Amino acid sequence: MAIRLPRIISSKKVPKGYFAVYVGENQKRFVIPVSFLNQPLFQDLLGMSEEEFRHTYPTGGLRIPCNEDIFADVTSRLN
């Protein structure tokens, strides 16, 4: 079952003003607004990523080590 959020899109290309992250065990790809980088809740997710991966990402993309449902819940709260 796919999670659909209005501000989170999944596509092969990343539009200007967005970036891709990979979330969860299955590394589901989300394309999210760059503006999320300034949000404290998202910065907490980035901190989790830093602790787990130490800036090394074998897939070549930014990975967020949390459940997809948690990620969707957190990003749905961001403006």
PDB file of N, CA and C in Angstrom:
ATOM      1  N   MET A   1       0.837  -1.173   0.000  1.00  0.00           N
ATOM      2  CA  MET A   1       0.000   0.000   0.000  1.00  0.00           C
ATOM      3  C   MET A   1       0.883   1.239   0.000  1.00  0.00           C
ATOM      4  N   ALA A   2       0.703   2.103  -0.957  1.00  0.00           N
ATOM      5  CA  ALA A   2       1.518   3.303  -1.081  1.00  0.00           C
ATOM      6  C   ALA A   2       0.966   4.419  -0.201  1.00  0.00           C
ATOM      7  N   ILE A   3       1.862   5.203   0.340  1.00  0.00           N
ATOM      8  CA  ILE A   3       1.484   6.361   1.137  1.00  0.00           C
ATOM      9  C   ILE A   3       1.537   7.573   0.217  1.00  0.00           C
ATOM     10  N   ARG A   4       0.449   8.311   0.164  1.00  0.00           N
ATOM     11  CA  ARG A   4       0.423   9.507  -0.676  1.00  0.00           C
ATOM     12  C   ARG A   4       0.255  10.736   0.202  1.00  0.00           C
ATOM     13  N   LEU A   5       1.201  11.624   0.083  1.00  0.00           N
ATOM     14  CA  LEU A   5       1.127  12.895   0.779  1.00  0.00           C
ATOM     15  C   LEU A   5       1.244  13.999  -0.264  1.00  0.00           C
ATOM     16  N   PRO A   6       0.552  15.093  -0.083  1.00  0.00           N
ATOM     17  CA  PRO A   6       0.541  16.122  -1.120  1.00  0.00           C
ATOM     18  C   PRO A   6       1.908  16.720  -1.422  1.00  0.00           C
ATOM     19  N   ARG A   7       2.757  16.847  -0.407  1.00  0.00           N
ATOM     20  CA  ARG A   7       4.054  17.491  -0.650  1.00  0.00           C
ATOM     21  C   ARG A   7       5.173  16.498  -0.897  1.00  0.00           C
ATOM     22  N   ILE A   8       4.900  15.238  -0.804  1.00  0.00           N
ATOM     23  CA  ILE A   8       5.932  14.225  -1.027  1.00  0.00           C
ATOM     24  C   ILE A   8       5.581  13.502  -2.307  1.00  0.00           C
ATOM     25  N   ILE A   9       6.497  13.518  -3.248  1.00  0.00           N
ATOM     26  CA  ILE A   9       6.249  12.853  -4.515  1.00  0.00           C
ATOM     27  C   ILE A   9       7.361  11.858  -4.785  1.00  0.00           C
ATOM     28  N   SER A  10       7.058  10.873  -5.573  1.00  0.00           N
ATOM     29  CA  SER A  10       8.058   9.882  -5.943  1.00  0.00           C
ATOM     30  C   SER A  10       8.172   9.878  -7.463  1.00  0.00           C
ATOM     31  N   SER A  11       9.352  10.100  -7.968  1.00  0.00           N
ATOM     32  CA  SER A  11       9.581  10.102  -9.406  1.00  0.00           C
ATOM     33  C   SER A  11      11.061   9.844  -9.660  1.00  0.00           C
ATOM     34  N   LYS A  12      11.397   9.579 -10.891  1.00  0.00           N
ATOM     35  CA  LYS A  12      12.801   9.343 -11.240  1.00  0.00           C
ATOM     36  C   LYS A  12      13.591  10.637 -11.259  1.00  0.00           C
ATOM     37  N   LYS A  13      12.964  11.725 -11.692  1.00  0.00           N
ATOM     38  CA  LYS A  13      13.648  13.011 -11.748  1.00  0.00           C
ATOM     39  C   LYS A  13      13.296  13.834 -10.523  1.00  0.00           C
ATOM     40  N   VAL A  14      14.249  14.636 -10.099  1.00  0.00           N
ATOM     41  CA  VAL A  14      14.031  15.487  -8.937  1.00  0.00           C
ATOM     42  C   VAL A  14      13.835  16.917  -9.429  1.00  0.00           C
ATOM     43  N   PRO A  15      12.642  17.483  -9.205  1.00  0.00           N
ATOM     44  CA  PRO A  15      12.393  18.857  -9.644  1.00  0.00           C
ATOM     45  C   PRO A  15      13.248  19.862  -8.874  1.00  0.00           C
ATOM     46  N   LYS A  16      13.446  21.012  -9.467  1.00  0.00           N
ATOM     47  CA  LYS A  16      14.193  22.084  -8.815  1.00  0.00           C
ATOM     48  C   LYS A  16      13.491  22.438  -7.506  1.00  0.00           C
ATOM     49  N   GLY A  17      14.282  22.596  -6.441  1.00  0.00           N
ATOM     50  CA  GLY A  17      13.737  22.938  -5.139  1.00  0.00           C
ATOM     51  C   GLY A  17      13.375  21.721  -4.296  1.00  0.00           C
ATOM     52  N   TYR A  18      13.696  20.529  -4.781  1.00  0.00           N
ATOM     53  CA  TYR A  18      13.407  19.280  -4.081  1.00  0.00           C
ATOM     54  C   TYR A  18      14.669  18.439  -4.017  1.00  0.00           C
ATOM     55  N   PHE A  19      14.665  17.407  -3.167  1.00  0.00           N
ATOM     56  CA  PHE A  19      15.747  16.435  -3.149  1.00  0.00           C
ATOM     57  C   PHE A  19      15.187  15.081  -2.754  1.00  0.00           C
ATOM     58  N   ALA A  20      15.932  14.044  -3.067  1.00  0.00           N
ATOM     59  CA  ALA A  20      15.474  12.681  -2.813  1.00  0.00           C
ATOM     60  C   ALA A  20      16.103  12.132  -1.537  1.00  0.00           C
ATOM     61  N   VAL A  21      15.310  11.384  -0.785  1.00  0.00           N
ATOM     62  CA  VAL A  21      15.798  10.647   0.375  1.00  0.00           C
ATOM     63  C   VAL A  21      15.269   9.226   0.272  1.00  0.00           C
ATOM     64  N   TYR A  22      15.969   8.310   0.925  1.00  0.00           N
ATOM     65  CA  TYR A  22      15.577   6.907   0.934  1.00  0.00           C
ATOM     66  C   TYR A  22      15.260   6.524   2.372  1.00  0.00           C
ATOM     67  N   VAL A  23      14.079   5.948   2.569  1.00  0.00           N
ATOM     68  CA  VAL A  23      13.547   5.746   3.915  1.00  0.00           C
ATOM     69  C   VAL A  23      13.215   4.283   4.162  1.00  0.00           C
ATOM     70  N   GLY A  24      13.540   3.827   5.372  1.00  0.00           N
ATOM     71  CA  GLY A  24      13.133   2.497   5.818  1.00  0.00           C
ATOM     72  C   GLY A  24      14.017   1.376   5.309  1.00  0.00           C
ATOM     73  N   GLU A  25      13.649   0.159   5.706  1.00  0.00           N
ATOM     74  CA  GLU A  25      14.415  -1.022   5.327  1.00  0.00           C
ATOM     75  C   GLU A  25      14.421  -1.244   3.817  1.00  0.00           C
ATOM     76  N   ASN A  26      13.317  -0.922   3.170  1.00  0.00           N
ATOM     77  CA  ASN A  26      13.217  -1.127   1.717  1.00  0.00           C
ATOM     78  C   ASN A  26      13.732   0.065   0.926  1.00  0.00           C
ATOM     79  N   GLN A  27      14.223   1.075   1.619  1.00  0.00           N
ATOM     80  CA  GLN A  27      14.775   2.283   1.017  1.00  0.00           C
ATOM     81  C   GLN A  27      13.823   2.897  -0.003  1.00  0.00           C
ATOM     82  N   LYS A  28      12.585   3.125   0.436  1.00  0.00           N
ATOM     83  CA  LYS A  28      11.601   3.767  -0.426  1.00  0.00           C
ATOM     84  C   LYS A  28      12.055   5.192  -0.697  1.00  0.00           C
ATOM     85  N   ARG A  29      11.976   5.596  -1.937  1.00  0.00           N
ATOM     86  CA  ARG A  29      12.445   6.910  -2.355  1.00  0.00           C
ATOM     87  C   ARG A  29      11.324   7.937  -2.224  1.00  0.00           C
ATOM     88  N   PHE A  30      11.644   9.048  -1.557  1.00  0.00           N
ATOM     89  CA  PHE A  30      10.732  10.177  -1.447  1.00  0.00           C
ATOM     90  C   PHE A  30      11.436  11.402  -1.994  1.00  0.00           C
ATOM     91  N   VAL A  31      10.725  12.223  -2.718  1.00  0.00           N
ATOM     92  CA  VAL A  31      11.246  13.492  -3.205  1.00  0.00           C
ATOM     93  C   VAL A  31      10.532  14.579  -2.407  1.00  0.00           C
ATOM     94  N   ILE A  32      11.316  15.344  -1.663  1.00  0.00           N
ATOM     95  CA  ILE A  32      10.733  16.299  -0.728  1.00  0.00           C
ATOM     96  C   ILE A  32      11.315  17.700  -0.943  1.00  0.00           C
ATOM     97  N   PRO A  33      10.599  18.721  -0.493  1.00  0.00           N
ATOM     98  CA  PRO A  33      11.078  20.101  -0.680  1.00  0.00           C
ATOM     99  C   PRO A  33      12.358  20.388   0.112  1.00  0.00           C
ATOM    100  N   VAL A  34      13.230  21.164  -0.481  1.00  0.00           N
ATOM    101  CA  VAL A  34      14.465  21.587   0.183  1.00  0.00           C
ATOM    102  C   VAL A  34      14.136  22.374   1.452  1.00  0.00           C
ATOM    103  N   SER A  35      13.001  23.040   1.482  1.00  0.00           N
ATOM    104  CA  SER A  35      12.621  23.826   2.655  1.00  0.00           C
ATOM    105  C   SER A  35      12.520  22.981   3.926  1.00  0.00           C
ATOM    106  N   PHE A  36      12.330  21.666   3.783  1.00  0.00           N
ATOM    107  CA  PHE A  36      12.285  20.781   4.952  1.00  0.00           C
ATOM    108  C   PHE A  36      13.592  20.795   5.728  1.00  0.00           C
ATOM    109  N   LEU A  37      14.697  21.118   5.061  1.00  0.00           N
ATOM    110  CA  LEU A  37      16.005  21.120   5.715  1.00  0.00           C
ATOM    111  C   LEU A  37      16.070  22.107   6.879  1.00  0.00           C
ATOM    112  N   ASN A  38      15.255  23.148   6.850  1.00  0.00           N
ATOM    113  CA  ASN A  38      15.244  24.160   7.910  1.00  0.00           C
ATOM    114  C   ASN A  38      14.330  23.796   9.068  1.00  0.00           C
ATOM    115  N   GLN A  39      13.573  22.734   8.951  1.00  0.00           N
ATOM    116  CA  GLN A  39      12.592  22.360   9.963  1.00  0.00           C
ATOM    117  C   GLN A  39      13.234  21.503  11.063  1.00  0.00           C
ATOM    118  N   PRO A  40      13.034  21.857  12.339  1.00  0.00           N
ATOM    119  CA  PRO A  40      13.626  21.090  13.442  1.00  0.00           C
ATOM    120  C   PRO A  40      13.252  19.604  13.429  1.00  0.00           C
ATOM    121  N   LEU A  41      12.011  19.273  13.092  1.00  0.00           N
ATOM    122  CA  LEU A  41      11.624  17.853  13.046  1.00  0.00           C
ATOM    123  C   LEU A  41      12.436  17.099  11.992  1.00  0.00           C
ATOM    124  N   PHE A  42      12.639  17.729  10.841  1.00  0.00           N
ATOM    125  CA  PHE A  42      13.418  17.068   9.796  1.00  0.00           C
ATOM    126  C   PHE A  42      14.887  17.004  10.177  1.00  0.00           C
ATOM    127  N   GLN A  43      15.366  18.022  10.856  1.00  0.00           N
ATOM    128  CA  GLN A  43      16.752  18.003  11.314  1.00  0.00           C
ATOM    129  C   GLN A  43      16.985  16.861  12.302  1.00  0.00           C
ATOM    130  N   ASP A  44      15.964  16.520  13.088  1.00  0.00           N
ATOM    131  CA  ASP A  44      16.070  15.352  13.972  1.00  0.00           C
ATOM    132  C   ASP A  44      16.263  14.074  13.156  1.00  0.00           C
ATOM    133  N   LEU A  45      15.530  13.954  12.050  1.00  0.00           N
ATOM    134  CA  LEU A  45      15.694  12.781  11.173  1.00  0.00           C
ATOM    135  C   LEU A  45      17.095  12.746  10.573  1.00  0.00           C
ATOM    136  N   LEU A  46      17.612  13.907  10.194  1.00  0.00           N
ATOM    137  CA  LEU A  46      18.973  13.969   9.658  1.00  0.00           C
ATOM    138  C   LEU A  46      20.000  13.564  10.717  1.00  0.00           C
ATOM    139  N   GLY A  47      19.743  13.940  11.963  1.00  0.00           N
ATOM    140  CA  GLY A  47      20.631  13.532  13.059  1.00  0.00           C
ATOM    141  C   GLY A  47      20.652  12.023  13.224  1.00  0.00           C
ATOM    142  N   MET A  48      19.476  11.393  13.085  1.00  0.00           N
ATOM    143  CA  MET A  48      19.405   9.928  13.150  1.00  0.00           C
ATOM    144  C   MET A  48      20.223   9.316  12.023  1.00  0.00           C
ATOM    145  N   SER A  49      20.133   9.919  10.852  1.00  0.00           N
ATOM    146  CA  SER A  49      20.878   9.424   9.699  1.00  0.00           C
ATOM    147  C   SER A  49      22.378   9.537   9.932  1.00  0.00           C
ATOM    148  N   GLU A  50      22.801  10.659  10.481  1.00  0.00           N
ATOM    149  CA  GLU A  50      24.229  10.862  10.759  1.00  0.00           C
ATOM    150  C   GLU A  50      24.739   9.839  11.763  1.00  0.00           C
ATOM    151  N   GLU A  51      23.963   9.593  12.822  1.00  0.00           N
ATOM    152  CA  GLU A  51      24.378   8.617  13.834  1.00  0.00           C
ATOM    153  C   GLU A  51      24.515   7.217  13.247  1.00  0.00           C
ATOM    154  N   GLU A  52      23.574   6.850  12.389  1.00  0.00           N
ATOM    155  CA  GLU A  52      23.579   5.491  11.857  1.00  0.00           C
ATOM    156  C   GLU A  52      24.582   5.290  10.730  1.00  0.00           C
ATOM    157  N   PHE A  53      24.661   6.254   9.819  1.00  0.00           N
ATOM    158  CA  PHE A  53      25.455   6.043   8.602  1.00  0.00           C
ATOM    159  C   PHE A  53      26.765   6.817   8.564  1.00  0.00           C
ATOM    160  N   ARG A  54      26.967   7.741   9.476  1.00  0.00           N
ATOM    161  CA  ARG A  54      28.214   8.519   9.540  1.00  0.00           C
ATOM    162  C   ARG A  54      28.625   9.111   8.192  1.00  0.00           C
ATOM    163  N   HIS A  55      27.663   9.670   7.493  1.00  0.00           N
ATOM    164  CA  HIS A  55      27.908  10.339   6.211  1.00  0.00           C
ATOM    165  C   HIS A  55      28.389   9.402   5.107  1.00  0.00           C
ATOM    166  N   THR A  56      28.200   8.113   5.262  1.00  0.00           N
ATOM    167  CA  THR A  56      28.506   7.184   4.167  1.00  0.00           C
ATOM    168  C   THR A  56      27.207   6.545   3.729  1.00  0.00           C
ATOM    169  N   TYR A  57      26.882   6.720   2.488  1.00  0.00           N
ATOM    170  CA  TYR A  57      25.624   6.220   1.950  1.00  0.00           C
ATOM    171  C   TYR A  57      25.920   5.290   0.779  1.00  0.00           C
ATOM    172  N   PRO A  58      25.890   3.984   1.022  1.00  0.00           N
ATOM    173  CA  PRO A  58      26.247   3.030  -0.021  1.00  0.00           C
ATOM    174  C   PRO A  58      25.370   3.121  -1.261  1.00  0.00           C
ATOM    175  N   THR A  59      24.135   3.570  -1.110  1.00  0.00           N
ATOM    176  CA  THR A  59      23.248   3.671  -2.271  1.00  0.00           C
ATOM    177  C   THR A  59      23.490   4.950  -3.046  1.00  0.00           C
ATOM    178  N   GLY A  60      24.320   5.849  -2.519  1.00  0.00           N
ATOM    179  CA  GLY A  60      24.603   7.097  -3.199  1.00  0.00           C
ATOM    180  C   GLY A  60      23.624   8.206  -2.867  1.00  0.00           C
ATOM    181  N   GLY A  61      22.601   7.916  -2.089  1.00  0.00           N
ATOM    182  CA  GLY A  61      21.619   8.932  -1.731  1.00  0.00           C
ATOM    183  C   GLY A  61      21.487   9.045  -0.229  1.00  0.00           C
ATOM    184  N   LEU A  62      20.840  10.108   0.202  1.00  0.00           N
ATOM    185  CA  LEU A  62      20.619  10.341   1.622  1.00  0.00           C
ATOM    186  C   LEU A  62      19.608   9.335   2.154  1.00  0.00           C
ATOM    187  N   ARG A  63      20.007   8.588   3.181  1.00  0.00           N
ATOM    188  CA  ARG A  63      19.124   7.583   3.784  1.00  0.00           C
ATOM    189  C   ARG A  63      18.651   8.052   5.144  1.00  0.00           C
ATOM    190  N   ILE A  64      17.367   7.846   5.414  1.00  0.00           N
ATOM    191  CA  ILE A  64      16.773   8.175   6.704  1.00  0.00           C
ATOM    192  C   ILE A  64      16.398   6.859   7.375  1.00  0.00           C
ATOM    193  N   PRO A  65      17.019   6.539   8.519  1.00  0.00           N
ATOM    194  CA  PRO A  65      16.800   5.239   9.156  1.00  0.00           C
ATOM    195  C   PRO A  65      15.573   5.214  10.067  1.00  0.00           C
ATOM    196  N   CYS A  66      14.405   5.354   9.472  1.00  0.00           N
ATOM    197  CA  CYS A  66      13.187   5.243  10.268  1.00  0.00           C
ATOM    198  C   CYS A  66      12.116   4.545   9.436  1.00  0.00           C
ATOM    199  N   ASN A  67      11.078   4.147  10.096  1.00  0.00           N
ATOM    200  CA  ASN A  67       9.954   3.504   9.442  1.00  0.00           C
ATOM    201  C   ASN A  67       9.304   4.487   8.469  1.00  0.00           C
ATOM    202  N   GLU A  68       8.832   3.985   7.335  1.00  0.00           N
ATOM    203  CA  GLU A  68       8.185   4.840   6.338  1.00  0.00           C
ATOM    204  C   GLU A  68       6.977   5.567   6.913  1.00  0.00           C
ATOM    205  N   ASP A  69       6.226   4.907   7.776  1.00  0.00           N
ATOM    206  CA  ASP A  69       5.047   5.536   8.381  1.00  0.00           C
ATOM    207  C   ASP A  69       5.440   6.703   9.290  1.00  0.00           C
ATOM    208  N   ILE A  70       6.512   6.538  10.034  1.00  0.00           N
ATOM    209  CA  ILE A  70       7.003   7.616  10.899  1.00  0.00           C
ATOM    210  C   ILE A  70       7.468   8.785  10.043  1.00  0.00           C
ATOM    211  N   PHE A  71       8.201   8.489   8.977  1.00  0.00           N
ATOM    212  CA  PHE A  71       8.674   9.534   8.078  1.00  0.00           C
ATOM    213  C   PHE A  71       7.488  10.300   7.493  1.00  0.00           C
ATOM    214  N   ALA A  72       6.483   9.575   7.043  1.00  0.00           N
ATOM    215  CA  ALA A  72       5.297  10.216   6.473  1.00  0.00           C
ATOM    216  C   ALA A  72       4.594  11.086   7.513  1.00  0.00           C
ATOM    217  N   ASP A  73       4.526  10.612   8.752  1.00  0.00           N
ATOM    218  CA  ASP A  73       3.880  11.378   9.823  1.00  0.00           C
ATOM    219  C   ASP A  73       4.660  12.659  10.105  1.00  0.00           C
ATOM    220  N   VAL A  74       5.974  12.554  10.208  1.00  0.00           N
ATOM    221  CA  VAL A  74       6.800  13.717  10.503  1.00  0.00           C
ATOM    222  C   VAL A  74       6.709  14.727   9.364  1.00  0.00           C
ATOM    223  N   THR A  75       6.864  14.288   8.139  1.00  0.00           N
ATOM    224  CA  THR A  75       6.864  15.238   7.024  1.00  0.00           C
ATOM    225  C   THR A  75       5.476  15.836   6.777  1.00  0.00           C
ATOM    226  N   SER A  76       4.425  15.146   7.186  1.00  0.00           N
ATOM    227  CA  SER A  76       3.085  15.722   7.009  1.00  0.00           C
ATOM    228  C   SER A  76       2.866  16.912   7.942  1.00  0.00           C
ATOM    229  N   ARG A  77       3.663  17.025   8.989  1.00  0.00           N
ATOM    230  CA  ARG A  77       3.562  18.135   9.938  1.00  0.00           C
ATOM    231  C   ARG A  77       4.360  19.358   9.511  1.00  0.00           C
ATOM    232  N   LEU A  78       5.191  19.224   8.495  1.00  0.00           N
ATOM    233  CA  LEU A  78       6.064  20.319   8.077  1.00  0.00           C
ATOM    234  C   LEU A  78       5.369  21.237   7.083  1.00  0.00           C
ATOM    235  N   ASN A  79       5.717  22.515   7.159  1.00  0.00           N
ATOM    236  CA  ASN A  79       5.138  23.506   6.240  1.00  0.00           C
ATOM    237  C   ASN A  79       6.138  23.862   5.183  1.00  0.00           C
TER     238      ASN A  79
END
